[in-house]
């Protein structure tokens, strides 16, 4: 198994799954798919969960059946649930007021995330609350910018947990490849935790190249850089 091929396939699959929170949407990620999906990467994609869908999407792009700024609805990640949620849930005036107040009062830490997730208007979107609220704020750029801080904080804490779980688990070739594919995200978000984040990032870099058990970590308070 070519490690570079596995890493590239994992990274492309991450882009596919996270397109709904990537600036530029399909137009941006499709260019990456076209540039990096070599025959070996395509073979590896077909072995991964949901990777067959991405491989079909890339084939459609290359054949011209799918325009470079879109995707066939049948091949949407998560069965199109993200797109459906964003498009079909309207907000009442009271919900708008609750959302705006919650965004203005948000603090980039665990308690801030807990408060924002406890809002009735946020719970209305279920597990897709991040992308659902982003879609609702599409015509409110001043609030959308503040919502980006919510998304960044949530992602930072999520990656902290994933990283510490990895450090506590036996490392397989595939999990090492997944970690290496995700390193740009860790390098973006873990520094939000200051010195503790930099230390965890250093341990992850070591973890990529060696199998070594490490003790669990408790996340500190994230701060906006």
N, C-alpha and C. Protein backbone atom coordinates (compact mmCIF):
# COMPACT_ATOMS: atom_id res chain seq x y z
N UNK A 1 0.85 -1.20 0.00
CA UNK A 1 0.00 0.00 0.00
C UNK A 1 0.88 1.25 0.00
N UNK A 2 0.71 2.12 -0.99
CA UNK A 2 1.47 3.36 -1.07
C UNK A 2 0.89 4.37 -0.09
N UNK A 3 1.71 4.76 0.90
CA UNK A 3 1.21 5.63 1.96
C UNK A 3 0.75 6.98 1.42
N UNK A 4 1.48 7.54 0.46
CA UNK A 4 1.09 8.84 -0.11
C UNK A 4 -0.26 8.75 -0.81
N UNK A 5 -0.51 7.64 -1.49
CA UNK A 5 -1.79 7.46 -2.17
C UNK A 5 -2.93 7.38 -1.17
N UNK A 6 -2.73 6.66 -0.08
CA UNK A 6 -3.76 6.54 0.96
C UNK A 6 -4.04 7.91 1.58
N UNK A 7 -2.99 8.66 1.86
CA UNK A 7 -3.15 9.99 2.47
C UNK A 7 -3.93 10.91 1.55
N UNK A 8 -3.60 10.91 0.27
CA UNK A 8 -4.31 11.76 -0.69
C UNK A 8 -5.77 11.37 -0.78
N UNK A 9 -6.04 10.06 -0.84
CA UNK A 9 -7.43 9.60 -0.93
C UNK A 9 -8.22 10.02 0.30
N UNK A 10 -7.63 9.88 1.48
CA UNK A 10 -8.31 10.29 2.71
C UNK A 10 -8.59 11.79 2.71
N UNK A 11 -7.63 12.56 2.22
CA UNK A 11 -7.81 14.02 2.21
C UNK A 11 -8.92 14.42 1.25
N UNK A 12 -8.96 13.81 0.07
CA UNK A 12 -10.03 14.11 -0.88
C UNK A 12 -11.39 13.71 -0.32
N UNK A 13 -11.44 12.58 0.38
CA UNK A 13 -12.70 12.16 0.98
C UNK A 13 -13.13 13.13 2.07
N UNK A 14 -12.18 13.68 2.82
CA UNK A 14 -12.50 14.70 3.83
C UNK A 14 -13.11 15.94 3.17
N UNK A 15 -12.52 16.36 2.06
CA UNK A 15 -13.05 17.53 1.34
C UNK A 15 -14.47 17.27 0.87
N UNK A 16 -14.71 16.08 0.36
CA UNK A 16 -16.03 15.68 -0.12
C UNK A 16 -17.05 15.75 1.02
N UNK A 17 -16.70 15.22 2.17
CA UNK A 17 -17.62 15.19 3.30
C UNK A 17 -17.84 16.56 3.92
N UNK A 18 -16.84 17.45 3.80
CA UNK A 18 -16.92 18.74 4.46
C UNK A 18 -17.20 19.89 3.50
N UNK A 19 -17.55 19.59 2.27
CA UNK A 19 -17.78 20.64 1.27
C UNK A 19 -18.73 21.71 1.77
N UNK A 20 -19.73 21.30 2.59
CA UNK A 20 -20.76 22.24 3.03
C UNK A 20 -20.22 23.35 3.91
N UNK A 21 -19.00 23.22 4.44
CA UNK A 21 -18.43 24.29 5.26
C UNK A 21 -17.16 24.86 4.63
N UNK A 22 -16.91 24.56 3.37
CA UNK A 22 -15.72 25.06 2.69
C UNK A 22 -16.09 26.23 1.80
N UNK A 23 -15.39 27.35 1.96
CA UNK A 23 -15.66 28.51 1.14
C UNK A 23 -15.36 28.19 -0.33
N UNK A 24 -16.29 28.54 -1.20
CA UNK A 24 -16.13 28.24 -2.61
C UNK A 24 -16.92 27.03 -3.04
N UNK A 25 -17.38 26.21 -2.07
CA UNK A 25 -18.25 25.08 -2.35
C UNK A 25 -17.69 24.10 -3.37
N UNK A 26 -18.59 23.54 -4.18
CA UNK A 26 -18.17 22.52 -5.14
C UNK A 26 -17.19 23.06 -6.17
N UNK A 27 -17.32 24.32 -6.54
CA UNK A 27 -16.39 24.87 -7.53
C UNK A 27 -14.95 24.79 -7.02
N UNK A 28 -14.77 24.97 -5.71
CA UNK A 28 -13.43 24.93 -5.13
C UNK A 28 -12.92 23.50 -4.99
N UNK A 29 -13.74 22.61 -4.40
CA UNK A 29 -13.25 21.26 -4.13
C UNK A 29 -13.15 20.43 -5.40
N UNK A 30 -14.01 20.70 -6.40
CA UNK A 30 -13.93 19.93 -7.64
C UNK A 30 -12.60 20.13 -8.36
N UNK A 31 -12.05 21.34 -8.25
CA UNK A 31 -10.74 21.59 -8.87
C UNK A 31 -9.67 20.72 -8.21
N UNK A 32 -9.77 20.56 -6.91
CA UNK A 32 -8.79 19.72 -6.19
C UNK A 32 -8.96 18.26 -6.60
N UNK A 33 -10.22 17.81 -6.69
CA UNK A 33 -10.47 16.43 -7.10
C UNK A 33 -9.85 16.15 -8.48
N UNK A 34 -10.06 17.06 -9.40
CA UNK A 34 -9.57 16.88 -10.76
C UNK A 34 -8.04 16.83 -10.81
N UNK A 35 -7.41 17.64 -9.96
CA UNK A 35 -5.95 17.75 -9.99
C UNK A 35 -5.25 16.58 -9.30
N UNK A 36 -5.87 16.03 -8.26
CA UNK A 36 -5.14 15.09 -7.40
C UNK A 36 -5.62 13.65 -7.46
N UNK A 37 -6.75 13.38 -8.12
CA UNK A 37 -7.28 12.01 -8.15
C UNK A 37 -6.62 11.22 -9.27
N UNK A 38 -5.40 10.76 -9.02
CA UNK A 38 -4.70 9.90 -9.97
C UNK A 38 -5.37 8.52 -10.01
N UNK A 39 -5.02 7.68 -10.98
CA UNK A 39 -5.62 6.33 -11.01
C UNK A 39 -5.43 5.55 -9.71
N UNK A 40 -4.23 5.65 -9.10
CA UNK A 40 -3.99 4.96 -7.84
C UNK A 40 -4.87 5.51 -6.72
N UNK A 41 -5.05 6.83 -6.70
CA UNK A 41 -5.91 7.45 -5.69
C UNK A 41 -7.36 7.02 -5.89
N UNK A 42 -7.79 6.96 -7.14
CA UNK A 42 -9.15 6.51 -7.43
C UNK A 42 -9.37 5.07 -6.93
N UNK A 43 -8.37 4.20 -7.13
CA UNK A 43 -8.48 2.83 -6.64
C UNK A 43 -8.61 2.80 -5.13
N UNK A 44 -7.84 3.65 -4.45
CA UNK A 44 -7.90 3.69 -2.99
C UNK A 44 -9.23 4.25 -2.51
N UNK A 45 -9.76 5.25 -3.22
CA UNK A 45 -11.05 5.82 -2.84
C UNK A 45 -12.14 4.76 -2.84
N UNK A 46 -12.11 3.89 -3.81
CA UNK A 46 -13.16 2.87 -3.94
C UNK A 46 -13.14 1.87 -2.78
N UNK A 47 -12.05 1.85 -2.00
CA UNK A 47 -11.96 0.96 -0.84
C UNK A 47 -12.49 1.61 0.44
N UNK A 48 -12.70 2.94 0.40
CA UNK A 48 -13.06 3.67 1.61
C UNK A 48 -14.57 3.84 1.74
N UNK A 49 -15.07 3.95 2.98
CA UNK A 49 -16.50 4.21 3.18
C UNK A 49 -16.93 5.49 2.45
N UNK A 50 -17.95 5.41 1.65
CA UNK A 50 -18.48 6.49 0.81
C UNK A 50 -17.50 6.92 -0.28
N UNK A 51 -16.33 6.30 -0.34
CA UNK A 51 -15.36 6.68 -1.35
C UNK A 51 -15.81 6.34 -2.77
N UNK A 52 -16.64 5.30 -2.91
CA UNK A 52 -17.14 4.95 -4.24
C UNK A 52 -17.97 6.09 -4.82
N UNK A 53 -18.74 6.77 -3.95
CA UNK A 53 -19.54 7.91 -4.43
C UNK A 53 -18.64 9.02 -4.95
N UNK A 54 -17.59 9.30 -4.20
CA UNK A 54 -16.66 10.35 -4.64
C UNK A 54 -15.98 9.95 -5.95
N UNK A 55 -15.59 8.69 -6.06
CA UNK A 55 -14.95 8.24 -7.30
C UNK A 55 -15.89 8.42 -8.49
N UNK A 56 -17.17 8.09 -8.33
CA UNK A 56 -18.15 8.29 -9.39
C UNK A 56 -18.30 9.77 -9.73
N UNK A 57 -18.30 10.61 -8.70
CA UNK A 57 -18.40 12.06 -8.93
C UNK A 57 -17.22 12.56 -9.75
N UNK A 58 -16.03 12.10 -9.42
CA UNK A 58 -14.84 12.53 -10.15
C UNK A 58 -14.90 12.04 -11.60
N UNK A 59 -15.37 10.83 -11.79
CA UNK A 59 -15.53 10.33 -13.16
C UNK A 59 -16.51 11.19 -13.94
N UNK A 60 -17.59 11.62 -13.29
CA UNK A 60 -18.56 12.50 -13.96
C UNK A 60 -17.95 13.84 -14.32
N UNK A 61 -17.11 14.36 -13.44
CA UNK A 61 -16.44 15.63 -13.73
C UNK A 61 -15.54 15.48 -14.95
N UNK A 62 -14.80 14.43 -14.99
CA UNK A 62 -13.83 14.24 -16.07
C UNK A 62 -14.51 13.96 -17.41
N UNK A 63 -15.68 13.35 -17.36
CA UNK A 63 -16.41 13.06 -18.60
C UNK A 63 -17.20 14.27 -19.08
N UNK A 64 -17.37 15.28 -18.21
CA UNK A 64 -18.16 16.45 -18.58
C UNK A 64 -19.64 16.31 -18.25
N UNK A 65 -20.03 15.15 -17.70
CA UNK A 65 -21.45 14.96 -17.35
C UNK A 65 -21.87 15.89 -16.20
N UNK A 66 -20.92 16.22 -15.35
CA UNK A 66 -21.20 17.12 -14.23
C UNK A 66 -20.38 18.39 -14.38
N UNK A 67 -21.01 19.58 -14.36
CA UNK A 67 -20.26 20.83 -14.44
C UNK A 67 -19.31 20.99 -13.27
N UNK A 68 -18.29 21.82 -13.44
CA UNK A 68 -17.26 21.97 -12.42
C UNK A 68 -17.73 22.67 -11.16
N UNK A 69 -18.91 23.26 -11.19
CA UNK A 69 -19.39 23.96 -9.99
C UNK A 69 -20.55 23.22 -9.32
N UNK A 70 -20.70 21.90 -9.60
CA UNK A 70 -21.85 21.20 -9.04
C UNK A 70 -21.53 19.72 -8.81
N UNK A 71 -22.58 18.97 -8.43
CA UNK A 71 -22.47 17.53 -8.23
C UNK A 71 -23.84 16.92 -8.52
N UNK A 72 -23.85 15.71 -9.04
CA UNK A 72 -25.11 14.99 -9.24
C UNK A 72 -25.76 14.75 -7.88
N UNK A 73 -27.05 15.06 -7.78
CA UNK A 73 -27.72 14.96 -6.49
C UNK A 73 -27.62 13.56 -5.89
N UNK A 74 -27.62 12.54 -6.70
CA UNK A 74 -27.54 11.17 -6.19
C UNK A 74 -26.19 10.87 -5.54
N UNK A 75 -25.19 11.71 -5.80
CA UNK A 75 -23.85 11.48 -5.26
C UNK A 75 -23.49 12.43 -4.12
N UNK A 76 -24.46 13.22 -3.66
CA UNK A 76 -24.20 14.13 -2.55
C UNK A 76 -23.80 13.36 -1.30
N UNK A 77 -22.81 13.88 -0.54
CA UNK A 77 -22.48 13.22 0.73
C UNK A 77 -23.64 13.29 1.71
N UNK A 78 -23.73 12.31 2.58
CA UNK A 78 -24.80 12.21 3.58
C UNK A 78 -26.18 12.14 2.92
N UNK A 79 -26.24 11.65 1.68
CA UNK A 79 -27.52 11.51 1.01
C UNK A 79 -28.21 12.82 0.73
N UNK A 80 -27.44 13.92 0.72
CA UNK A 80 -28.03 15.24 0.45
C UNK A 80 -28.69 15.87 1.64
N UNK A 81 -28.53 15.27 2.84
CA UNK A 81 -29.20 15.81 4.02
C UNK A 81 -28.76 17.23 4.34
N UNK A 82 -27.48 17.54 4.12
CA UNK A 82 -26.98 18.89 4.41
C UNK A 82 -27.69 19.92 3.55
N UNK A 83 -27.80 19.64 2.26
CA UNK A 83 -28.44 20.59 1.35
C UNK A 83 -29.91 20.75 1.67
N UNK A 84 -30.59 19.63 1.99
CA UNK A 84 -32.01 19.69 2.31
C UNK A 84 -32.27 20.50 3.56
N UNK A 85 -31.45 20.29 4.58
CA UNK A 85 -31.62 21.01 5.84
C UNK A 85 -31.46 22.50 5.62
N UNK A 86 -30.42 22.88 4.88
CA UNK A 86 -30.14 24.29 4.67
C UNK A 86 -31.24 24.98 3.88
N UNK A 87 -31.89 24.23 3.01
CA UNK A 87 -32.83 24.86 2.08
C UNK A 87 -34.27 24.89 2.59
N UNK A 88 -34.61 24.05 3.57
CA UNK A 88 -36.03 23.88 3.86
C UNK A 88 -36.49 24.38 5.22
N UNK A 89 -35.60 24.87 6.08
CA UNK A 89 -36.01 25.28 7.42
C UNK A 89 -36.04 26.80 7.53
N UNK A 90 -37.21 27.41 7.56
CA UNK A 90 -37.31 28.87 7.72
C UNK A 90 -37.25 29.25 9.20
N UNK A 91 -36.97 30.52 9.48
CA UNK A 91 -36.91 31.02 10.86
C UNK A 91 -38.00 32.05 11.08
N UNK A 92 -38.61 32.01 12.25
CA UNK A 92 -39.62 33.00 12.63
C UNK A 92 -38.92 34.25 13.15
N UNK A 93 -39.63 35.40 13.27
CA UNK A 93 -39.02 36.61 13.85
C UNK A 93 -38.44 36.37 15.23
N UNK A 94 -39.13 35.60 16.08
CA UNK A 94 -38.62 35.31 17.42
C UNK A 94 -37.34 34.50 17.34
N UNK A 95 -37.29 33.55 16.41
CA UNK A 95 -36.08 32.74 16.26
C UNK A 95 -34.93 33.58 15.75
N UNK A 96 -35.20 34.52 14.87
CA UNK A 96 -34.15 35.42 14.40
C UNK A 96 -33.57 36.23 15.56
N UNK A 97 -34.45 36.74 16.42
CA UNK A 97 -33.97 37.52 17.56
C UNK A 97 -33.12 36.67 18.50
N UNK A 98 -33.58 35.45 18.75
CA UNK A 98 -32.82 34.55 19.63
C UNK A 98 -31.45 34.25 19.02
N UNK A 99 -31.43 34.00 17.71
CA UNK A 99 -30.17 33.66 17.04
C UNK A 99 -29.22 34.85 17.05
N UNK A 100 -29.70 36.03 16.71
CA UNK A 100 -28.84 37.20 16.68
C UNK A 100 -28.26 37.51 18.06
N UNK A 101 -29.10 37.42 19.09
CA UNK A 101 -28.61 37.67 20.45
C UNK A 101 -27.56 36.64 20.85
N UNK A 102 -27.83 35.37 20.50
CA UNK A 102 -26.89 34.31 20.84
C UNK A 102 -25.55 34.48 20.15
N UNK A 103 -25.57 34.89 18.89
CA UNK A 103 -24.32 35.10 18.15
C UNK A 103 -23.54 36.27 18.73
N UNK A 104 -24.22 37.36 19.04
CA UNK A 104 -23.53 38.53 19.59
C UNK A 104 -22.92 38.24 20.96
N UNK A 105 -23.55 37.35 21.73
CA UNK A 105 -23.06 37.05 23.09
C UNK A 105 -22.08 35.88 23.12
N UNK A 106 -21.80 35.28 21.98
CA UNK A 106 -20.95 34.09 21.94
C UNK A 106 -19.53 34.38 22.40
N UNK A 107 -18.98 33.46 23.19
CA UNK A 107 -17.57 33.51 23.59
C UNK A 107 -16.89 32.24 23.08
N UNK A 108 -15.65 32.34 22.56
CA UNK A 108 -14.99 31.18 21.92
C UNK A 108 -14.40 30.20 22.93
N UNK A 109 -15.26 29.55 23.71
CA UNK A 109 -14.82 28.55 24.67
C UNK A 109 -15.91 27.50 24.81
N UNK A 110 -15.67 26.50 25.65
CA UNK A 110 -16.62 25.41 25.77
C UNK A 110 -17.98 25.88 26.29
N UNK A 111 -17.98 26.82 27.25
CA UNK A 111 -19.25 27.32 27.77
C UNK A 111 -20.00 28.11 26.70
N UNK A 112 -19.27 28.82 25.85
CA UNK A 112 -19.92 29.54 24.75
C UNK A 112 -20.57 28.60 23.77
N UNK A 113 -19.89 27.49 23.46
CA UNK A 113 -20.47 26.49 22.57
C UNK A 113 -21.71 25.85 23.19
N UNK A 114 -21.64 25.57 24.48
CA UNK A 114 -22.80 24.96 25.16
C UNK A 114 -24.00 25.89 25.09
N UNK A 115 -23.77 27.19 25.32
CA UNK A 115 -24.88 28.15 25.29
C UNK A 115 -25.47 28.25 23.90
N UNK A 116 -24.63 28.33 22.87
CA UNK A 116 -25.16 28.50 21.51
C UNK A 116 -25.90 27.24 21.07
N UNK A 117 -25.42 26.06 21.46
CA UNK A 117 -26.08 24.82 21.07
C UNK A 117 -27.38 24.59 21.83
N UNK A 118 -27.55 25.28 22.96
CA UNK A 118 -28.78 25.11 23.74
C UNK A 118 -29.91 26.01 23.26
N UNK A 119 -29.63 26.94 22.33
CA UNK A 119 -30.67 27.81 21.81
C UNK A 119 -31.71 26.98 21.06
N UNK A 120 -32.98 27.33 21.24
CA UNK A 120 -34.04 26.59 20.56
C UNK A 120 -33.88 26.66 19.05
N UNK A 121 -33.50 27.82 18.54
CA UNK A 121 -33.37 27.99 17.10
C UNK A 121 -32.24 27.13 16.55
N UNK A 122 -31.19 26.92 17.34
CA UNK A 122 -30.08 26.07 16.90
C UNK A 122 -30.48 24.60 16.97
N UNK A 123 -31.16 24.21 18.04
CA UNK A 123 -31.59 22.82 18.18
C UNK A 123 -32.57 22.42 17.07
N UNK A 124 -33.24 23.41 16.49
CA UNK A 124 -34.19 23.16 15.40
C UNK A 124 -33.52 22.48 14.21
N UNK A 125 -32.22 22.72 14.03
CA UNK A 125 -31.50 22.16 12.89
C UNK A 125 -30.87 20.80 13.18
N UNK A 126 -31.01 20.31 14.41
CA UNK A 126 -30.48 19.00 14.74
C UNK A 126 -28.97 18.93 14.58
N UNK A 127 -28.49 17.77 14.09
CA UNK A 127 -27.05 17.55 13.96
C UNK A 127 -26.42 18.44 12.89
N UNK A 128 -27.23 19.00 12.00
CA UNK A 128 -26.70 19.85 10.92
C UNK A 128 -26.77 21.33 11.29
N UNK A 129 -26.71 21.63 12.59
CA UNK A 129 -26.92 23.02 13.03
C UNK A 129 -25.87 23.99 12.48
N UNK A 130 -24.64 23.57 12.34
CA UNK A 130 -23.61 24.48 11.84
C UNK A 130 -23.90 24.94 10.42
N UNK A 131 -24.15 23.97 9.52
CA UNK A 131 -24.40 24.33 8.13
C UNK A 131 -25.78 24.94 7.95
N UNK A 132 -26.76 24.50 8.76
CA UNK A 132 -28.10 25.05 8.65
C UNK A 132 -28.15 26.53 9.01
N UNK A 133 -27.51 26.89 10.12
CA UNK A 133 -27.48 28.30 10.52
C UNK A 133 -26.67 29.13 9.52
N UNK A 134 -25.57 28.55 9.03
CA UNK A 134 -24.77 29.28 8.02
C UNK A 134 -25.63 29.62 6.81
N UNK A 135 -26.44 28.66 6.34
CA UNK A 135 -27.29 28.91 5.19
C UNK A 135 -28.33 29.99 5.51
N UNK A 136 -28.88 29.94 6.73
CA UNK A 136 -29.88 30.93 7.11
C UNK A 136 -29.29 32.34 7.15
N UNK A 137 -28.00 32.44 7.44
CA UNK A 137 -27.33 33.74 7.56
C UNK A 137 -26.73 34.23 6.25
N UNK A 138 -27.00 33.54 5.15
CA UNK A 138 -26.34 33.85 3.88
C UNK A 138 -26.49 35.32 3.46
N UNK A 139 -27.62 35.95 3.79
CA UNK A 139 -27.85 37.34 3.40
C UNK A 139 -27.60 38.32 4.55
N UNK A 140 -26.92 37.85 5.59
CA UNK A 140 -26.59 38.70 6.74
C UNK A 140 -25.08 38.61 6.99
N UNK A 141 -24.27 39.23 6.15
CA UNK A 141 -22.82 39.05 6.22
C UNK A 141 -22.21 39.43 7.57
N UNK A 142 -22.80 40.43 8.25
CA UNK A 142 -22.22 40.83 9.54
C UNK A 142 -22.40 39.74 10.58
N UNK A 143 -23.49 39.00 10.51
CA UNK A 143 -23.71 37.88 11.43
C UNK A 143 -22.96 36.63 10.96
N UNK A 144 -22.86 36.47 9.65
CA UNK A 144 -22.16 35.32 9.09
C UNK A 144 -20.70 35.33 9.52
N UNK A 145 -20.10 36.50 9.55
CA UNK A 145 -18.70 36.61 9.99
C UNK A 145 -18.56 36.17 11.44
N UNK A 146 -19.51 36.56 12.29
CA UNK A 146 -19.48 36.15 13.69
C UNK A 146 -19.75 34.65 13.82
N UNK A 147 -20.60 34.11 12.95
CA UNK A 147 -20.89 32.68 12.99
C UNK A 147 -19.65 31.87 12.64
N UNK A 148 -18.77 32.43 11.80
CA UNK A 148 -17.53 31.73 11.47
C UNK A 148 -16.73 31.43 12.74
N UNK A 149 -16.78 32.34 13.73
CA UNK A 149 -16.06 32.10 14.98
C UNK A 149 -16.68 30.93 15.74
N UNK A 150 -17.99 30.80 15.68
CA UNK A 150 -18.67 29.65 16.30
C UNK A 150 -18.18 28.37 15.63
N UNK A 151 -18.17 28.37 14.30
CA UNK A 151 -17.74 27.18 13.55
C UNK A 151 -16.30 26.82 13.86
N UNK A 152 -15.43 27.83 13.92
CA UNK A 152 -14.02 27.59 14.20
C UNK A 152 -13.82 27.02 15.61
N UNK A 153 -14.56 27.57 16.56
CA UNK A 153 -14.44 27.09 17.94
C UNK A 153 -14.93 25.66 18.07
N UNK A 154 -16.07 25.38 17.44
CA UNK A 154 -16.60 24.01 17.47
C UNK A 154 -15.59 23.04 16.85
N UNK A 155 -15.04 23.42 15.72
CA UNK A 155 -14.09 22.55 15.03
C UNK A 155 -12.84 22.33 15.87
N UNK A 156 -12.38 23.37 16.56
CA UNK A 156 -11.19 23.25 17.40
C UNK A 156 -11.41 22.23 18.51
N UNK A 157 -12.53 22.32 19.20
CA UNK A 157 -12.80 21.38 20.28
C UNK A 157 -13.03 19.96 19.74
N UNK A 158 -13.67 19.85 18.58
CA UNK A 158 -13.88 18.55 17.97
C UNK A 158 -12.53 17.90 17.65
N UNK A 159 -11.62 18.67 17.05
CA UNK A 159 -10.33 18.12 16.67
C UNK A 159 -9.49 17.80 17.90
N UNK A 160 -9.64 18.58 18.97
CA UNK A 160 -8.93 18.26 20.22
C UNK A 160 -9.34 16.87 20.69
N UNK A 161 -10.62 16.58 20.69
CA UNK A 161 -11.09 15.28 21.15
C UNK A 161 -10.61 14.17 20.23
N UNK A 162 -10.70 14.38 18.91
CA UNK A 162 -10.25 13.36 17.97
C UNK A 162 -8.75 13.08 18.17
N UNK A 163 -7.98 14.16 18.36
CA UNK A 163 -6.53 14.01 18.53
C UNK A 163 -6.20 13.21 19.79
N UNK A 164 -6.83 13.54 20.90
CA UNK A 164 -6.53 12.84 22.14
C UNK A 164 -7.01 11.38 22.08
N UNK A 165 -8.11 11.14 21.39
CA UNK A 165 -8.55 9.75 21.21
C UNK A 165 -7.53 8.96 20.40
N UNK A 166 -6.96 9.59 19.38
CA UNK A 166 -5.94 8.92 18.57
C UNK A 166 -4.71 8.58 19.41
N UNK A 167 -4.33 9.50 20.27
CA UNK A 167 -3.15 9.28 21.08
C UNK A 167 -3.34 8.15 22.10
N UNK A 168 -4.59 7.82 22.38
CA UNK A 168 -4.88 6.76 23.34
C UNK A 168 -5.12 5.41 22.67
N UNK A 169 -5.12 5.37 21.35
CA UNK A 169 -5.50 4.14 20.64
C UNK A 169 -4.30 3.56 19.89
N UNK A 170 -4.30 2.24 19.66
CA UNK A 170 -3.26 1.64 18.82
C UNK A 170 -3.32 2.26 17.42
N UNK A 171 -2.19 2.48 16.83
CA UNK A 171 -2.13 3.17 15.53
C UNK A 171 -2.00 2.18 14.39
N UNK A 172 -2.96 2.18 13.49
CA UNK A 172 -2.90 1.34 12.29
C UNK A 172 -2.38 2.16 11.12
N UNK A 173 -2.06 1.49 10.02
CA UNK A 173 -1.60 2.22 8.84
C UNK A 173 -2.66 3.19 8.35
N UNK A 174 -3.94 2.76 8.40
CA UNK A 174 -5.00 3.62 7.89
C UNK A 174 -5.25 4.81 8.80
N UNK A 175 -5.18 4.60 10.12
CA UNK A 175 -5.39 5.73 11.03
C UNK A 175 -4.22 6.70 10.95
N UNK A 176 -3.01 6.18 10.71
CA UNK A 176 -1.86 7.07 10.53
C UNK A 176 -2.05 7.91 9.26
N UNK A 177 -2.55 7.26 8.20
CA UNK A 177 -2.81 8.00 6.95
C UNK A 177 -3.89 9.05 7.16
N UNK A 178 -4.94 8.69 7.92
CA UNK A 178 -6.00 9.65 8.20
C UNK A 178 -5.46 10.84 8.98
N UNK A 179 -4.62 10.56 9.98
CA UNK A 179 -4.03 11.63 10.78
C UNK A 179 -3.18 12.55 9.91
N UNK A 180 -2.36 11.96 9.05
CA UNK A 180 -1.50 12.78 8.20
C UNK A 180 -2.33 13.62 7.23
N UNK A 181 -3.41 13.04 6.71
CA UNK A 181 -4.28 13.79 5.80
C UNK A 181 -4.94 14.97 6.51
N UNK A 182 -5.23 14.79 7.81
CA UNK A 182 -5.92 15.83 8.57
C UNK A 182 -4.98 16.84 9.21
N UNK A 183 -3.66 16.65 9.10
CA UNK A 183 -2.72 17.53 9.79
C UNK A 183 -2.90 19.01 9.47
N UNK A 184 -3.23 19.40 8.22
CA UNK A 184 -3.46 20.83 7.98
C UNK A 184 -4.55 21.43 8.87
N UNK A 185 -5.61 20.64 9.14
CA UNK A 185 -6.66 21.13 10.03
C UNK A 185 -6.17 21.23 11.46
N UNK A 186 -5.44 20.22 11.92
CA UNK A 186 -4.89 20.29 13.28
C UNK A 186 -3.97 21.51 13.42
N UNK A 187 -3.17 21.76 12.39
CA UNK A 187 -2.24 22.88 12.43
C UNK A 187 -2.96 24.23 12.39
N UNK A 188 -4.17 24.23 11.84
CA UNK A 188 -4.98 25.45 11.80
C UNK A 188 -5.67 25.71 13.13
N UNK A 189 -6.26 24.67 13.73
CA UNK A 189 -7.15 24.86 14.86
C UNK A 189 -6.52 24.65 16.24
N UNK A 190 -5.61 23.71 16.38
CA UNK A 190 -5.07 23.44 17.72
C UNK A 190 -4.31 24.63 18.32
N UNK A 191 -3.65 25.48 17.50
CA UNK A 191 -3.02 26.67 18.11
C UNK A 191 -4.01 27.59 18.82
N UNK A 192 -5.32 27.45 18.57
CA UNK A 192 -6.30 28.24 19.31
C UNK A 192 -6.24 27.95 20.81
N UNK A 193 -5.66 26.80 21.20
CA UNK A 193 -5.55 26.44 22.60
C UNK A 193 -4.23 26.90 23.22
N UNK A 194 -3.49 27.74 22.52
CA UNK A 194 -2.25 28.27 23.07
C UNK A 194 -1.17 27.22 23.21
N UNK A 195 -0.40 27.29 24.30
CA UNK A 195 0.72 26.38 24.52
C UNK A 195 0.28 24.93 24.55
N UNK A 196 -0.86 24.65 25.19
CA UNK A 196 -1.35 23.28 25.26
C UNK A 196 -1.65 22.74 23.87
N UNK A 197 -2.20 23.57 23.00
CA UNK A 197 -2.49 23.15 21.64
C UNK A 197 -1.23 22.88 20.84
N UNK A 198 -0.21 23.73 21.03
CA UNK A 198 1.06 23.53 20.33
C UNK A 198 1.73 22.24 20.79
N UNK A 199 1.62 21.94 22.09
CA UNK A 199 2.21 20.71 22.60
C UNK A 199 1.49 19.48 22.03
N UNK A 200 0.16 19.54 21.96
CA UNK A 200 -0.59 18.43 21.40
C UNK A 200 -0.26 18.26 19.92
N UNK A 201 -0.11 19.37 19.21
CA UNK A 201 0.23 19.32 17.79
C UNK A 201 1.59 18.66 17.59
N UNK A 202 2.53 18.97 18.47
CA UNK A 202 3.86 18.36 18.38
C UNK A 202 3.77 16.85 18.59
N UNK A 203 2.95 16.42 19.52
CA UNK A 203 2.78 14.99 19.78
C UNK A 203 2.13 14.29 18.58
N UNK A 204 1.20 14.98 17.92
CA UNK A 204 0.56 14.40 16.75
C UNK A 204 1.58 14.19 15.63
N UNK A 205 2.47 15.15 15.46
CA UNK A 205 3.49 15.02 14.41
C UNK A 205 4.37 13.80 14.67
N UNK A 206 4.70 13.58 15.94
CA UNK A 206 5.49 12.40 16.30
C UNK A 206 4.68 11.13 16.06
N UNK A 207 3.39 11.22 16.37
CA UNK A 207 2.50 10.08 16.26
C UNK A 207 2.36 9.60 14.82
N UNK A 208 2.51 10.49 13.87
CA UNK A 208 2.41 10.13 12.46
C UNK A 208 3.50 9.13 12.08
N UNK A 209 4.66 9.26 12.69
CA UNK A 209 5.79 8.43 12.28
C UNK A 209 6.18 7.35 13.28
N UNK A 210 5.48 7.26 14.42
CA UNK A 210 5.82 6.23 15.39
C UNK A 210 4.60 5.77 16.15
N UNK A 211 4.57 4.52 16.55
CA UNK A 211 3.48 3.98 17.35
C UNK A 211 3.87 4.11 18.81
N UNK A 212 3.22 5.02 19.49
CA UNK A 212 3.59 5.28 20.88
C UNK A 212 2.35 5.68 21.65
N UNK A 213 2.07 4.99 22.74
CA UNK A 213 0.93 5.35 23.58
C UNK A 213 1.22 6.66 24.28
N UNK A 214 0.16 7.45 24.47
CA UNK A 214 0.29 8.73 25.17
C UNK A 214 -0.90 8.91 26.07
N UNK A 215 -0.73 9.62 27.22
CA UNK A 215 -1.84 9.84 28.15
C UNK A 215 -2.88 10.77 27.58
N UNK A 216 -4.10 10.69 28.10
CA UNK A 216 -5.19 11.56 27.65
C UNK A 216 -4.93 12.99 28.06
N UNK A 217 -5.59 13.91 27.36
CA UNK A 217 -5.46 15.33 27.63
C UNK A 217 -6.83 15.92 27.91
N UNK A 218 -6.88 16.92 28.73
CA UNK A 218 -8.11 17.67 28.98
C UNK A 218 -8.02 18.98 28.20
N UNK A 219 -9.00 19.34 27.37
CA UNK A 219 -8.88 20.56 26.57
C UNK A 219 -8.90 21.81 27.42
N UNK A 220 -7.98 22.75 27.16
CA UNK A 220 -8.01 24.03 27.86
C UNK A 220 -9.02 24.93 27.19
N UNK A 221 -9.03 26.19 27.55
CA UNK A 221 -9.96 27.16 26.97
C UNK A 221 -9.38 27.67 25.66
N UNK A 222 -10.17 27.60 24.59
CA UNK A 222 -9.73 28.12 23.29
C UNK A 222 -9.86 29.63 23.29
N UNK A 223 -8.94 30.28 22.62
CA UNK A 223 -8.98 31.74 22.52
C UNK A 223 -8.86 32.14 21.08
N UNK A 224 -9.53 33.22 20.70
CA UNK A 224 -9.46 33.72 19.33
C UNK A 224 -8.10 34.33 19.10
N UNK A 225 -7.46 33.93 18.00
CA UNK A 225 -6.14 34.48 17.67
C UNK A 225 -6.26 35.85 17.04
